[in-house]
Amino acid sequence: MKFTLGIFEGKLIVNRRYQRKLVWTKDEKSQLIDTMIKRYPLPLILLAEVEIDGVAKYEIIDGMQH
């Protein structure tokens, strides 16, 4: 099994103007990563591609947290 989330390494942006504060515990973050590694379904996460200093990055617009 190939794990490909590395394509987003250093490229995800959280815009604090409209994203709420981080509320996940370390254990919950670990469980999310485990879910991805096991390829279990995840809720929708919306990303917008933006360019910063000539580099393509991905701004997190929304997740199914609401």
C-alpha atoms as a PDB file:
ATOM      1  CA  MET A   1       0.000   0.000   0.000  1.00  0.00           C
ATOM      2  CA  LYS A   2       1.361   3.401  -0.971  1.00  0.00           C
ATOM      3  CA  PHE A   3       0.558   6.343   1.318  1.00  0.00           C
ATOM      4  CA  THR A   4       0.495   9.536  -0.751  1.00  0.00           C
ATOM      5  CA  LEU A   5      -0.452  12.341   1.633  1.00  0.00           C
ATOM      6  CA  GLY A   6       3.140  13.567   1.356  1.00  0.00           C
ATOM      7  CA  ILE A   7       2.071  15.532  -1.718  1.00  0.00           C
ATOM      8  CA  PHE A   8       0.499  18.050   0.681  1.00  0.00           C
ATOM      9  CA  GLU A   9       3.494  18.274   3.014  1.00  0.00           C
ATOM     10  CA  GLY A  10       4.193  21.933   3.695  1.00  0.00           C
ATOM     11  CA  LYS A  11       1.444  22.993   1.287  1.00  0.00           C
ATOM     12  CA  LEU A  12      -1.680  23.209   3.479  1.00  0.00           C
ATOM     13  CA  ILE A  13      -2.724  26.637   4.733  1.00  0.00           C
ATOM     14  CA  VAL A  14      -5.205  27.358   7.518  1.00  0.00           C
ATOM     15  CA  ASN A  15      -6.626  30.872   7.172  1.00  0.00           C
ATOM     16  CA  ARG A  16      -7.344  32.048  10.713  1.00  0.00           C
ATOM     17  CA  ARG A  17      -9.610  34.844   9.431  1.00  0.00           C
ATOM     18  CA  TYR A  18     -12.418  32.361   8.952  1.00  0.00           C
ATOM     19  CA  GLN A  19     -11.227  29.041  10.391  1.00  0.00           C
ATOM     20  CA  ARG A  20     -11.926  28.369  14.020  1.00  0.00           C
ATOM     21  CA  LYS A  21      -9.197  27.531  16.508  1.00  0.00           C
ATOM     22  CA  LEU A  22      -7.773  24.027  16.525  1.00  0.00           C
ATOM     23  CA  VAL A  23      -9.874  21.918  18.878  1.00  0.00           C
ATOM     24  CA  TRP A  24      -8.564  18.399  18.236  1.00  0.00           C
ATOM     25  CA  THR A  25      -6.585  16.547  20.897  1.00  0.00           C
ATOM     26  CA  LYS A  26      -3.347  14.747  19.993  1.00  0.00           C
ATOM     27  CA  ASP A  27      -5.210  11.427  20.272  1.00  0.00           C
ATOM     28  CA  GLU A  28      -7.898  12.583  17.820  1.00  0.00           C
ATOM     29  CA  LYS A  29      -5.234  13.741  15.346  1.00  0.00           C
ATOM     30  CA  SER A  30      -3.530  10.368  15.659  1.00  0.00           C
ATOM     31  CA  GLN A  31      -6.833   8.590  15.002  1.00  0.00           C
ATOM     32  CA  LEU A  32      -7.400  10.706  11.865  1.00  0.00           C
ATOM     33  CA  ILE A  33      -3.961   9.785  10.517  1.00  0.00           C
ATOM     34  CA  ASP A  34      -4.654   6.119  11.311  1.00  0.00           C
ATOM     35  CA  THR A  35      -7.961   6.392   9.414  1.00  0.00           C
ATOM     36  CA  MET A  36      -6.137   7.763   6.361  1.00  0.00           C
ATOM     37  CA  ILE A  37      -3.444   5.091   6.481  1.00  0.00           C
ATOM     38  CA  LYS A  38      -6.118   2.382   6.635  1.00  0.00           C
ATOM     39  CA  ARG A  39      -7.911   4.108   3.733  1.00  0.00           C
ATOM     40  CA  TYR A  40     -11.189   4.389   5.613  1.00  0.00           C
ATOM     41  CA  PRO A  41     -13.679   6.953   4.275  1.00  0.00           C
ATOM     42  CA  LEU A  42     -13.226  10.557   5.414  1.00  0.00           C
ATOM     43  CA  PRO A  43     -15.655  13.478   5.409  1.00  0.00           C
ATOM     44  CA  LEU A  44     -15.315  15.999   2.603  1.00  0.00           C
ATOM     45  CA  ILE A  45     -12.548  18.585   2.923  1.00  0.00           C
ATOM     46  CA  LEU A  46     -12.662  21.545   0.530  1.00  0.00           C
ATOM     47  CA  LEU A  47      -9.349  23.000  -0.642  1.00  0.00           C
ATOM     48  CA  ALA A  48      -8.581  26.004  -2.840  1.00  0.00           C
ATOM     49  CA  GLU A  49      -5.346  26.083  -4.805  1.00  0.00           C
ATOM     50  CA  VAL A  50      -3.496  29.353  -4.212  1.00  0.00           C
ATOM     51  CA  GLU A  51      -0.091  30.579  -5.323  1.00  0.00           C
ATOM     52  CA  ILE A  52       2.259  32.035  -2.727  1.00  0.00           C
ATOM     53  CA  ASP A  53       5.680  33.270  -3.846  1.00  0.00           C
ATOM     54  CA  GLY A  54       5.305  31.265  -7.044  1.00  0.00           C
ATOM     55  CA  VAL A  55       4.557  28.019  -5.196  1.00  0.00           C
ATOM     56  CA  ALA A  56       1.207  26.202  -5.405  1.00  0.00           C
ATOM     57  CA  LYS A  57      -0.354  25.684  -1.969  1.00  0.00           C
ATOM     58  CA  TYR A  58      -3.780  24.533  -0.789  1.00  0.00           C
ATOM     59  CA  GLU A  59      -5.905  26.638   1.528  1.00  0.00           C
ATOM     60  CA  ILE A  60      -8.323  24.689   3.687  1.00  0.00           C
ATOM     61  CA  ILE A  61     -11.715  26.255   2.982  1.00  0.00           C
ATOM     62  CA  ASP A  62     -13.984  23.977   4.961  1.00  0.00           C
ATOM     63  CA  GLY A  63     -14.323  20.547   6.502  1.00  0.00           C
ATOM     64  CA  MET A  64     -17.410  18.705   7.653  1.00  0.00           C
ATOM     65  CA  GLN A  65     -16.982  19.992  11.212  1.00  0.00           C
ATOM     66  CA  HIS A  66     -20.041  22.249  11.234  1.00  0.00           C
END
